[in-house]
Every structure is written in C-alpha cells, then in structure tokens.
Amino acid sequence: MDVSIVIPTFNRKPILEKCLIALENQKLNNLINCYEVIVVDDGSTDGTSSWIEENKKRLPHVVLFKQEHGGPALGRNLGVMKSKHEIIIFIDSDLVVLNDFIYNHVEKLLRAWKTNNKKCFTYGSVVNTSNFKNPESENYKITDISFAYFATGNVAISRDLLLKAGLFDTSFSLYGWEDLELGERLKKMGTKLIKCPRAVGFHWHPPFECDQIPSIINKEHERAKMALIFYRKHRNLRVRFTIQFTFIHRLLWRILTIGGFITIERILPFLKFLVNSKRNNFALELVKIPLNLIYVEELYNKNKNNTFS
C-alpha cells in the first residue's frame, strides 16, 4: 500500500523542520510500499520553501508545491489533487510524529476497510506540547482529549472518499472549521471514525505569553466568522452545538465570567504573574474563559448582522 501525507504550512519553518525529519525516520514493513510527503507552502515569508529545496538530500520523500496565501483548505485540496497514492494522511505542519506513525495508521485503516468498504478514516492521537527541544517527551493529558469527528491534525483516509465528499470548502479562508465542515459531509455519507491511538503526533505551540493576546483575540473573531459559514451550510442541532451557537453556551460563558465581569483586561496582571512564574499553561487555560465569551458574543453579533465572511 502506498501513502501520501499532505501538509499545508504557513510561516512555521522551525517546527516544520522537526515535522519533516520525523517523517523521514519512519519504520516501515511489508504493509507499505512507499510514501510521499506533500508540503504545500501557503505563501510563507520565512524561507520555508528555500529550506526544503536546499535540503532535498535529507528529505527524499518530500514533494514541494507552492501557492499564494489562501489558507489551509486550499492547500490541502492542492495536496490531494497532486497526490499519487490511495491513502491520504493529513497532519498539521506543527506536528511531530513517532517513527511508527505511518505504519499504525495504515495497519488500522486497512483492517477497517475490510468491513467498511473504505467508507471510514482513522483518527490518531494528538498530544499538545510547548516543548520545542523534545516534543516527544510530553505525556498525554486530559486536556488533549478531543471529541471532534474529523480534524485534519492527524487523520488517514481514502483519496477516492475525499474526492466523492468534495474536498475542503475554500470559502473557509480564515481560521477554523474547514476540516469539521468536511467531516459533516463525510458523516452524512455514513463514514465511520476509527480511533487509532497508536498513531501519535505531538502538536507543538509556543508557550503562552501575554503579548500573544491580541492575535489570539483576532483568531476568535475569525473563528466566529467561519463558524457561521459552517452553520449556513449545515443548519442542524449537531453543528449548533459544535460551534457553540446555542443559548446554553452563551449562558455558560456568561456565568463563568460572572456576567462578563471577568475580562482579559481585568485578569491581565494575574496572567502576567503566572507567566513570570513559569505557569504558562495555567495562564493559557485561564485566558480561554473570557476568550470563549468573546467568541460566542461575536458569533451572535455576526449572525444578527448577517455577516458570514
């Protein structure tokens, strides 16, 4: 069986280097004939493409494509269309995998194909970490549990099934939801999710710092815009709960922020104290409370004003 790994990337060169080296160090067996790693550079300005081109000998499996900056949906679609093989594995460019990653996905997927007529996909484990030097040393945590149906950080699926589903909707040009929206279409086709916990990827993100707050808030605004595109396409209760577009979620985040009293501005001194005390992860979890209220309120405001993009 042959495999194409599709990775869209935008200005993530340092962690992408670790991602690609890990994919070159895969232990294979007779299940896998060959594999390619398709990297789609989504208009990076940090020297990503130059580094890949300069390191062709170190990256024999890597095939590079370039596009103008258009977002991950556009990049993944290009990667799928350029792919040569039957199995597609999607990972993010900030994911570092173990050396049995490809094998575990393929072994589980092939077994599932026998009973599901290829109408299924495998979903690997994602461990979040801010340890850049050695991301693989991070332990699995309760905060790493995901209830998403189809998230492209770590999944393997049939190329033909993706084409039948219609690939990713490129109207999701900002942050968020393009993979879950494709998942909604796959679910309506009767596609089965197969958990594959042995296919482990370590999702690196820089430690939380207070100067990241403006960009994080901007992402929440973008996420709200894209959420409404998602809901416009699939007006059902499952999607409403997925994007938190219910009175229950609005009430929940208002309660947790004491009616909006707990704002980022009010807790900023405490956040700075936590960061200075090297408790960055705790600070990040704390700031998510007012951030969720920002997101939900933006969602309702955009919907009220009929603003979808």
Protein backbone atom coordinates (compact mmCIF):
# COMPACT_ATOMS: atom_id res chain seq x y z
CA MET A 1 0.00 0.00 0.00
CA ASP A 2 1.25 3.48 -0.91
CA VAL A 3 0.69 6.61 1.18
CA SER A 4 0.58 10.36 0.53
CA ILE A 5 0.99 12.63 3.54
CA VAL A 6 -0.43 16.11 2.93
CA ILE A 7 0.85 19.07 4.96
CA PRO A 8 -0.17 22.69 4.30
CA THR A 9 2.12 25.20 6.00
CA PHE A 10 2.41 28.93 6.53
CA ASN A 11 5.40 30.51 8.30
CA ARG A 12 6.17 27.56 10.58
CA LYS A 13 9.67 26.75 9.35
CA PRO A 14 11.36 25.87 12.71
CA ILE A 15 8.76 23.29 13.77
CA LEU A 16 8.15 22.16 10.18
CA GLU A 17 11.81 21.11 10.05
CA LYS A 18 11.23 18.78 13.01
CA CYS A 19 7.97 17.56 11.45
CA LEU A 20 9.64 16.59 8.16
CA ILE A 21 12.71 14.98 9.74
CA ALA A 22 10.41 12.82 11.88
CA LEU A 23 8.55 11.72 8.74
CA GLU A 24 11.86 10.75 7.10
CA ASN A 25 12.66 8.48 10.06
CA GLN A 26 9.66 6.16 9.70
CA LYS A 27 9.96 2.43 10.33
CA LEU A 28 8.05 0.62 7.60
CA ASN A 29 7.19 -3.02 6.90
CA ASN A 30 5.61 -5.05 4.10
CA LEU A 31 2.29 -3.22 4.50
CA ILE A 32 3.75 -0.06 2.97
CA ASN A 33 5.46 0.01 -0.41
CA CYS A 34 6.37 3.68 -0.48
CA TYR A 35 5.21 7.06 0.72
CA GLU A 36 5.46 10.71 -0.25
CA VAL A 37 5.23 13.82 1.92
CA ILE A 38 3.47 16.61 0.06
CA VAL A 39 4.20 20.02 1.56
CA VAL A 40 2.09 22.91 0.27
CA ASP A 41 3.75 26.22 1.12
CA ASP A 42 0.84 28.63 1.52
CA GLY A 43 2.79 31.80 0.70
CA SER A 44 5.26 31.61 3.59
CA THR A 45 7.69 34.51 4.04
CA ASP A 46 10.06 32.78 6.48
CA GLY A 47 12.18 30.84 3.99
CA THR A 48 10.18 27.60 4.22
CA SER A 49 10.42 26.70 0.52
CA SER A 50 14.09 27.66 0.30
CA TRP A 51 14.97 25.42 3.26
CA ILE A 52 13.15 22.45 1.72
CA GLU A 53 14.83 22.99 -1.66
CA GLU A 54 18.25 23.29 -0.03
CA ASN A 55 17.75 20.05 1.92
CA LYS A 56 16.46 17.71 -0.80
CA LYS A 57 19.01 15.03 0.08
CA ARG A 58 17.85 14.99 3.71
CA LEU A 59 14.19 14.97 2.63
CA PRO A 60 13.94 12.36 -0.15
CA HIS A 61 10.21 11.75 0.45
CA VAL A 62 9.22 15.43 0.36
CA VAL A 63 7.46 16.90 -2.68
CA LEU A 64 7.05 20.70 -2.51
CA PHE A 65 4.26 22.76 -4.03
CA LYS A 66 3.76 26.50 -3.62
CA GLN A 67 0.66 28.68 -3.72
CA GLU A 68 -0.33 32.24 -2.98
CA HIS A 69 -1.56 32.60 0.60
CA GLY A 70 -5.09 31.23 0.54
CA GLY A 71 -5.50 29.19 3.70
CA PRO A 72 -5.21 25.52 4.71
CA ALA A 73 -8.35 24.36 2.86
CA LEU A 74 -6.90 25.48 -0.45
CA GLY A 75 -3.54 23.96 0.47
CA ARG A 76 -4.97 20.57 1.43
CA ASN A 77 -7.03 20.44 -1.76
CA LEU A 78 -3.92 21.10 -3.84
CA GLY A 79 -2.05 18.43 -1.92
CA VAL A 80 -4.79 15.85 -2.52
CA MET A 81 -5.01 16.67 -6.22
CA LYS A 82 -1.24 16.35 -6.61
CA SER A 83 -1.03 13.15 -4.55
CA LYS A 84 -0.14 9.85 -6.23
CA HIS A 85 -1.36 7.29 -3.71
CA GLU A 86 -4.54 5.69 -2.42
CA ILE A 87 -4.18 6.54 1.28
CA ILE A 88 -4.07 10.20 2.31
CA ILE A 89 -2.75 11.15 5.74
CA PHE A 90 -3.36 14.73 6.84
CA ILE A 91 -1.21 16.29 9.53
CA ASP A 92 -0.50 19.88 10.52
CA SER A 93 2.92 21.38 9.94
CA ASP A 94 3.49 21.81 13.68
CA LEU A 95 3.01 18.10 14.43
CA VAL A 96 6.00 15.87 15.25
CA VAL A 97 5.26 12.15 14.93
CA LEU A 98 6.77 8.94 16.28
CA ASN A 99 8.66 6.58 13.96
CA ASP A 100 5.80 4.07 13.73
CA PHE A 101 3.24 6.74 12.83
CA ILE A 102 2.58 5.79 9.20
CA TYR A 103 2.53 2.06 9.91
CA ASN A 104 -0.03 2.41 12.72
CA HIS A 105 -2.41 4.45 10.56
CA VAL A 106 -2.11 2.10 7.59
CA GLU A 107 -2.45 -1.10 9.62
CA LYS A 108 -5.61 0.15 11.37
CA LEU A 109 -7.12 1.64 8.20
CA LEU A 110 -6.62 -1.48 6.08
CA ARG A 111 -8.29 -3.62 8.73
CA ALA A 112 -11.23 -1.21 8.89
CA TRP A 113 -11.55 -1.15 5.08
CA LYS A 114 -12.40 -4.87 5.07
CA THR A 115 -15.67 -4.27 6.93
CA ASN A 116 -16.49 -0.68 5.90
CA ASN A 117 -15.89 -0.75 2.13
CA LYS A 118 -13.32 2.05 2.58
CA LYS A 119 -16.03 4.35 3.98
CA CYS A 120 -14.04 5.15 7.14
CA PHE A 121 -10.99 7.01 8.37
CA THR A 122 -8.51 6.60 11.21
CA TYR A 123 -8.05 9.33 13.79
CA GLY A 124 -4.70 9.39 15.60
CA SER A 125 -3.77 10.80 18.99
CA VAL A 126 -2.64 14.42 19.35
CA VAL A 127 -0.59 15.46 22.37
CA ASN A 128 -0.26 19.22 22.85
CA THR A 129 3.13 20.50 23.95
CA SER A 130 5.17 23.67 24.20
CA ASN A 131 8.44 21.73 24.47
CA PHE A 132 10.23 22.64 21.24
CA LYS A 133 13.50 20.88 22.01
CA ASN A 134 11.93 17.49 22.71
CA PRO A 135 8.18 17.49 21.94
CA GLU A 136 8.03 13.66 22.05
CA SER A 137 8.71 13.73 25.79
CA GLU A 138 5.26 15.22 26.54
CA ASN A 139 2.76 12.95 28.30
CA TYR A 140 -0.86 12.58 27.20
CA LYS A 141 -3.10 14.83 29.34
CA ILE A 142 -6.81 15.15 29.98
CA THR A 143 -6.75 18.45 28.05
CA ASP A 144 -5.58 16.51 24.97
CA ILE A 145 -8.87 14.62 24.73
CA SER A 146 -10.75 15.61 21.58
CA PHE A 147 -14.39 14.96 20.73
CA ALA A 148 -14.05 16.18 17.15
CA TYR A 149 -15.29 13.82 14.46
CA PHE A 150 -12.88 14.80 11.67
CA ALA A 151 -9.90 17.04 12.47
CA THR A 152 -7.05 17.15 9.98
CA GLY A 153 -4.29 17.41 12.58
CA ASN A 154 -3.90 13.62 12.40
CA VAL A 155 -6.18 11.51 10.15
CA ALA A 156 -5.84 8.89 7.39
CA ILE A 157 -8.50 8.40 4.73
CA SER A 158 -9.12 7.07 1.22
CA ARG A 159 -8.30 9.53 -1.57
CA ASP A 160 -11.38 8.38 -3.50
CA LEU A 161 -13.62 9.02 -0.48
CA LEU A 162 -12.26 12.55 -0.17
CA LEU A 163 -12.98 13.23 -3.83
CA LYS A 164 -16.51 11.85 -3.50
CA ALA A 165 -17.11 14.11 -0.48
CA GLY A 166 -15.98 17.14 -2.47
CA LEU A 167 -12.71 18.02 -0.68
CA PHE A 168 -12.43 21.13 1.53
CA ASP A 169 -14.62 24.19 1.02
CA THR A 170 -12.23 27.03 0.18
CA SER A 171 -14.72 29.67 1.34
CA PHE A 172 -13.24 28.89 4.77
CA SER A 173 -10.39 31.31 4.09
CA LEU A 174 -9.84 32.41 7.71
CA TYR A 175 -9.10 30.46 10.89
CA GLY A 176 -11.18 27.45 11.80
CA TRP A 177 -13.83 24.87 10.93
CA GLU A 178 -12.89 23.84 7.37
CA ASP A 179 -11.98 20.31 8.45
CA LEU A 180 -15.03 19.84 10.67
CA GLU A 181 -17.27 21.04 7.83
CA LEU A 182 -15.82 18.36 5.55
CA GLY A 183 -16.37 15.95 8.43
CA GLU A 184 -20.05 16.86 8.47
CA ARG A 185 -20.33 15.86 4.81
CA LEU A 186 -18.42 12.64 5.47
CA LYS A 187 -20.73 11.83 8.36
CA LYS A 188 -23.81 12.32 6.15
CA MET A 189 -22.25 9.82 3.72
CA GLY A 190 -22.11 7.25 6.54
CA THR A 191 -18.35 7.42 7.04
CA LYS A 192 -17.12 5.72 10.20
CA LEU A 193 -14.50 7.15 12.57
CA ILE A 194 -11.88 4.59 13.66
CA LYS A 195 -9.77 5.61 16.65
CA CYS A 196 -6.06 4.95 16.16
CA PRO A 197 -4.37 5.93 19.45
CA ARG A 198 -1.03 4.38 18.45
CA ALA A 199 -0.58 6.91 15.62
CA VAL A 200 0.76 9.62 17.92
CA GLY A 201 1.57 13.18 16.94
CA PHE A 202 2.91 15.90 19.23
CA HIS A 203 1.30 19.24 18.43
CA TRP A 204 3.74 21.99 19.27
CA HIS A 205 2.74 25.55 20.09
CA PRO A 206 4.89 28.24 21.69
CA PRO A 207 4.42 28.78 25.45
CA PHE A 208 1.67 31.28 26.20
CA GLU A 209 2.88 34.86 26.59
CA CYS A 210 0.74 37.90 27.27
CA ASP A 211 1.87 39.61 24.07
CA GLN A 212 0.06 36.85 22.14
CA ILE A 213 -3.33 38.04 23.40
CA PRO A 214 -4.18 40.44 20.50
CA SER A 215 -3.53 37.75 17.88
CA ILE A 216 -5.47 35.17 19.92
CA ILE A 217 -8.46 37.53 20.15
CA ASN A 218 -8.25 38.11 16.40
CA LYS A 219 -8.38 34.34 15.86
CA GLU A 220 -11.58 34.17 17.92
CA HIS A 221 -13.17 36.80 15.67
CA GLU A 222 -12.09 34.84 12.58
CA ARG A 223 -13.32 31.60 14.11
CA ALA A 224 -16.76 33.15 14.68
CA LYS A 225 -17.00 34.28 11.06
CA MET A 226 -16.06 30.83 9.77
CA ALA A 227 -18.44 29.16 12.24
CA LEU A 228 -21.36 30.96 10.65
CA ILE A 229 -20.31 29.75 7.20
CA PHE A 230 -20.28 26.25 8.69
CA TYR A 231 -23.79 26.72 10.12
CA ARG A 232 -25.11 28.28 6.93
CA LYS A 233 -24.14 25.07 5.10
CA HIS A 234 -25.42 22.66 7.75
CA ARG A 235 -28.33 24.06 9.74
CA ASN A 236 -28.71 21.29 12.28
CA LEU A 237 -28.51 20.97 16.05
CA ARG A 238 -25.25 18.99 15.96
CA VAL A 239 -23.46 21.83 14.18
CA ARG A 240 -25.01 24.43 16.50
CA PHE A 241 -23.54 22.58 19.48
CA THR A 242 -20.21 22.06 17.72
CA ILE A 243 -19.76 25.78 17.09
CA GLN A 244 -21.34 26.75 20.47
CA PHE A 245 -24.20 28.59 18.77
CA THR A 246 -26.79 27.86 21.49
CA PHE A 247 -28.24 29.77 24.44
CA ILE A 248 -26.70 27.12 26.70
CA HIS A 249 -23.16 28.04 25.62
CA ARG A 250 -23.88 31.75 25.80
CA LEU A 251 -25.27 31.33 29.32
CA LEU A 252 -22.37 29.06 30.35
CA TRP A 253 -19.63 31.53 29.40
CA ARG A 254 -21.56 34.43 30.93
CA ILE A 255 -21.82 32.50 34.20
CA LEU A 256 -18.14 31.53 34.15
CA THR A 257 -17.14 35.15 33.52
CA ILE A 258 -19.64 36.40 36.15
CA GLY A 259 -21.79 38.15 33.57
CA GLY A 260 -18.81 39.37 31.60
CA PHE A 261 -17.09 40.90 34.65
CA ILE A 262 -14.03 38.66 34.21
CA THR A 263 -12.37 40.14 31.15
CA ILE A 264 -8.87 39.70 29.78
CA GLU A 265 -8.06 43.26 30.79
CA ARG A 266 -9.09 42.63 34.40
CA ILE A 267 -7.12 39.40 34.76
CA LEU A 268 -4.08 40.61 32.79
CA PRO A 269 -1.98 41.36 35.91
CA PHE A 270 -2.63 37.83 37.19
CA LEU A 271 -1.82 36.38 33.77
CA LYS A 272 1.50 38.23 33.80
CA PHE A 273 2.21 36.89 37.28
CA LEU A 274 1.53 33.32 36.11
CA VAL A 275 3.74 33.71 33.04
CA ASN A 276 6.56 35.19 35.13
CA SER A 277 6.16 32.23 37.49
CA LYS A 278 6.60 29.81 34.53
CA ARG A 279 2.98 28.65 34.80
CA ASN A 280 2.25 29.44 31.16
CA ASN A 281 -0.13 26.51 30.63
CA PHE A 282 -2.28 27.55 33.58
CA ALA A 283 -2.36 31.11 32.26
CA LEU A 284 -3.48 29.83 28.86
CA GLU A 285 -6.31 27.75 30.34
CA LEU A 286 -7.43 30.75 32.41
CA VAL A 287 -7.48 33.16 29.48
CA LYS A 288 -9.64 30.72 27.50
CA ILE A 289 -12.61 31.54 29.75
CA PRO A 290 -13.07 35.18 28.66
CA LEU A 291 -11.89 34.23 25.15
CA ASN A 292 -14.82 31.83 24.79
CA LEU A 293 -17.23 34.58 25.76
CA ILE A 294 -15.61 36.86 23.16
CA TYR A 295 -16.09 34.14 20.55
CA VAL A 296 -19.70 33.36 21.42
CA GLU A 297 -20.72 37.03 21.57
CA GLU A 298 -19.03 37.64 18.22
CA LEU A 299 -20.91 34.64 16.81
CA TYR A 300 -24.26 36.07 17.87
CA ASN A 301 -23.37 39.58 16.70
CA LYS A 302 -22.27 38.38 13.28
CA ASN A 303 -25.41 36.31 12.92
CA LYS A 304 -27.60 39.25 13.96
CA ASN A 305 -25.93 41.45 11.35
CA ASN A 306 -25.96 38.60 8.78
CA THR A 307 -22.17 38.82 8.44
CA PHE A 308 -20.72 35.49 7.33
CA SER A 309 -17.31 36.41 5.96
